[in-house]
Amino acid sequence: MRARPVYDAHSPFHFVQNCTTPTLILHGQTDPVVPIAQAYEFYHALKVLGIESEMVVYPREGHSIEERAHQIDFQNRVLAWYAKYLK
């Protein structure tokens, strides 16, 4: 099987029309594993579908969040998201 069909079949974007859950996307700007363009594409698709969504991009960060201030922000955002949607 060619790479593009495999990618498309497993891409979250391929299934975005099935999403109904509020979604928080936290992404490193320089992520070499998941290109930032994919995060923007997914976020935009969620917004077009009317799904409650938020996206935060951490500058200078890759696939994991390393800077202490970003780690704190990351955790605070996750906790706030849980408090809002997991009542």
C-alpha atoms as a PDB file:
ATOM      1  CA  MET A   1       0.000   0.000   0.000  1.00  0.00           C
ATOM      2  CA  ARG A   2       1.299   3.461  -0.825  1.00  0.00           C
ATOM      3  CA  ALA A   3       2.183   5.847   1.985  1.00  0.00           C
ATOM      4  CA  ARG A   4      -0.499   8.484   1.296  1.00  0.00           C
ATOM      5  CA  PRO A   5      -3.487   6.079   1.504  1.00  0.00           C
ATOM      6  CA  VAL A   6      -2.091   4.633   4.746  1.00  0.00           C
ATOM      7  CA  TYR A   7      -1.616   8.133   6.164  1.00  0.00           C
ATOM      8  CA  ASP A   8      -5.109   9.207   5.124  1.00  0.00           C
ATOM      9  CA  ALA A   9      -6.712   6.089   6.573  1.00  0.00           C
ATOM     10  CA  HIS A  10      -5.145   6.737   9.993  1.00  0.00           C
ATOM     11  CA  SER A  11      -5.103  10.523  10.110  1.00  0.00           C
ATOM     12  CA  PRO A  12      -7.298  12.142  12.790  1.00  0.00           C
ATOM     13  CA  PHE A  13      -8.313  14.647  10.144  1.00  0.00           C
ATOM     14  CA  HIS A  14      -9.915  11.800   8.177  1.00  0.00           C
ATOM     15  CA  PHE A  15     -12.292  11.200  11.103  1.00  0.00           C
ATOM     16  CA  VAL A  16     -12.881  14.789  12.240  1.00  0.00           C
ATOM     17  CA  GLN A  17     -16.494  14.707  11.051  1.00  0.00           C
ATOM     18  CA  ASN A  18     -17.171  12.176  13.854  1.00  0.00           C
ATOM     19  CA  CYS A  19     -15.917  14.483  16.605  1.00  0.00           C
ATOM     20  CA  THR A  20     -18.369  15.902  19.121  1.00  0.00           C
ATOM     21  CA  THR A  21     -16.201  16.292  22.220  1.00  0.00           C
ATOM     22  CA  PRO A  22     -14.690  19.645  23.220  1.00  0.00           C
ATOM     23  CA  THR A  23     -11.028  19.449  22.235  1.00  0.00           C
ATOM     24  CA  LEU A  24      -7.904  21.065  23.647  1.00  0.00           C
ATOM     25  CA  ILE A  25      -4.872  20.981  21.341  1.00  0.00           C
ATOM     26  CA  LEU A  26      -1.515  21.751  22.963  1.00  0.00           C
ATOM     27  CA  HIS A  27       1.322  21.684  20.448  1.00  0.00           C
ATOM     28  CA  GLY A  28       5.018  22.448  20.214  1.00  0.00           C
ATOM     29  CA  GLN A  29       5.853  24.904  17.443  1.00  0.00           C
ATOM     30  CA  THR A  30       8.870  22.924  16.243  1.00  0.00           C
ATOM     31  CA  ASP A  31       7.467  19.395  16.696  1.00  0.00           C
ATOM     32  CA  PRO A  32       9.376  17.128  14.272  1.00  0.00           C
ATOM     33  CA  VAL A  33       6.959  14.209  14.793  1.00  0.00           C
ATOM     34  CA  VAL A  34       3.613  15.923  14.224  1.00  0.00           C
ATOM     35  CA  PRO A  35       3.995  18.968  11.974  1.00  0.00           C
ATOM     36  CA  ILE A  36       2.288  22.082  13.319  1.00  0.00           C
ATOM     37  CA  ALA A  37       0.359  22.411  10.065  1.00  0.00           C
ATOM     38  CA  GLN A  38      -1.545  19.222  10.946  1.00  0.00           C
ATOM     39  CA  ALA A  39      -2.562  20.677  14.304  1.00  0.00           C
ATOM     40  CA  TYR A  40      -3.807  23.873  12.666  1.00  0.00           C
ATOM     41  CA  GLU A  41      -5.677  21.870  10.041  1.00  0.00           C
ATOM     42  CA  PHE A  42      -7.388  19.723  12.686  1.00  0.00           C
ATOM     43  CA  TYR A  43      -8.221  22.732  14.851  1.00  0.00           C
ATOM     44  CA  HIS A  44      -9.702  24.608  11.906  1.00  0.00           C
ATOM     45  CA  ALA A  45     -11.822  21.585  10.946  1.00  0.00           C
ATOM     46  CA  LEU A  46     -13.157  21.319  14.511  1.00  0.00           C
ATOM     47  CA  LYS A  47     -14.091  25.003  14.499  1.00  0.00           C
ATOM     48  CA  VAL A  48     -15.849  24.683  11.113  1.00  0.00           C
ATOM     49  CA  LEU A  49     -17.858  21.799  12.569  1.00  0.00           C
ATOM     50  CA  GLY A  50     -18.807  23.940  15.572  1.00  0.00           C
ATOM     51  CA  ILE A  51     -16.888  21.823  18.088  1.00  0.00           C
ATOM     52  CA  GLU A  52     -15.741  23.731  21.167  1.00  0.00           C
ATOM     53  CA  SER A  53     -11.980  23.838  20.655  1.00  0.00           C
ATOM     54  CA  GLU A  54      -8.893  25.635  21.836  1.00  0.00           C
ATOM     55  CA  MET A  55      -5.369  25.466  20.454  1.00  0.00           C
ATOM     56  CA  VAL A  56      -2.195  26.606  22.163  1.00  0.00           C
ATOM     57  CA  VAL A  57       1.178  26.594  20.431  1.00  0.00           C
ATOM     58  CA  TYR A  58       4.298  26.584  22.573  1.00  0.00           C
ATOM     59  CA  PRO A  59       7.234  28.379  20.916  1.00  0.00           C
ATOM     60  CA  ARG A  60      10.617  26.634  20.860  1.00  0.00           C
ATOM     61  CA  GLU A  61       9.000  23.323  21.864  1.00  0.00           C
ATOM     62  CA  GLY A  62       9.141  20.029  20.007  1.00  0.00           C
ATOM     63  CA  HIS A  63       7.060  16.895  20.530  1.00  0.00           C
ATOM     64  CA  SER A  64       7.424  17.184  24.305  1.00  0.00           C
ATOM     65  CA  ILE A  65       7.173  20.333  26.377  1.00  0.00           C
ATOM     66  CA  GLU A  66      10.536  21.040  28.026  1.00  0.00           C
ATOM     67  CA  GLU A  67      10.558  24.650  29.236  1.00  0.00           C
ATOM     68  CA  ARG A  68       9.383  24.928  32.831  1.00  0.00           C
ATOM     69  CA  ALA A  69       7.046  27.882  32.221  1.00  0.00           C
ATOM     70  CA  HIS A  70       5.439  26.018  29.326  1.00  0.00           C
ATOM     71  CA  GLN A  71       5.052  22.874  31.447  1.00  0.00           C
ATOM     72  CA  ILE A  72       3.245  24.880  34.118  1.00  0.00           C
ATOM     73  CA  ASP A  73       1.014  26.547  31.531  1.00  0.00           C
ATOM     74  CA  PHE A  74       0.314  23.165  29.923  1.00  0.00           C
ATOM     75  CA  GLN A  75      -0.743  21.611  33.236  1.00  0.00           C
ATOM     76  CA  ASN A  76      -2.879  24.602  34.203  1.00  0.00           C
ATOM     77  CA  ARG A  77      -4.685  24.510  30.853  1.00  0.00           C
ATOM     78  CA  VAL A  78      -5.360  20.780  31.134  1.00  0.00           C
ATOM     79  CA  LEU A  79      -6.673  21.155  34.687  1.00  0.00           C
ATOM     80  CA  ALA A  80      -8.890  24.094  33.695  1.00  0.00           C
ATOM     81  CA  TRP A  81     -10.208  22.138  30.683  1.00  0.00           C
ATOM     82  CA  TYR A  82     -11.020  19.166  32.917  1.00  0.00           C
ATOM     83  CA  ALA A  83     -12.720  21.404  35.469  1.00  0.00           C
ATOM     84  CA  LYS A  84     -14.859  22.943  32.722  1.00  0.00           C
ATOM     85  CA  TYR A  85     -15.823  19.790  30.813  1.00  0.00           C
ATOM     86  CA  LEU A  86     -15.584  16.900  33.274  1.00  0.00           C
ATOM     87  CA  LYS A  87     -18.049  18.064  35.875  1.00  0.00           C
END
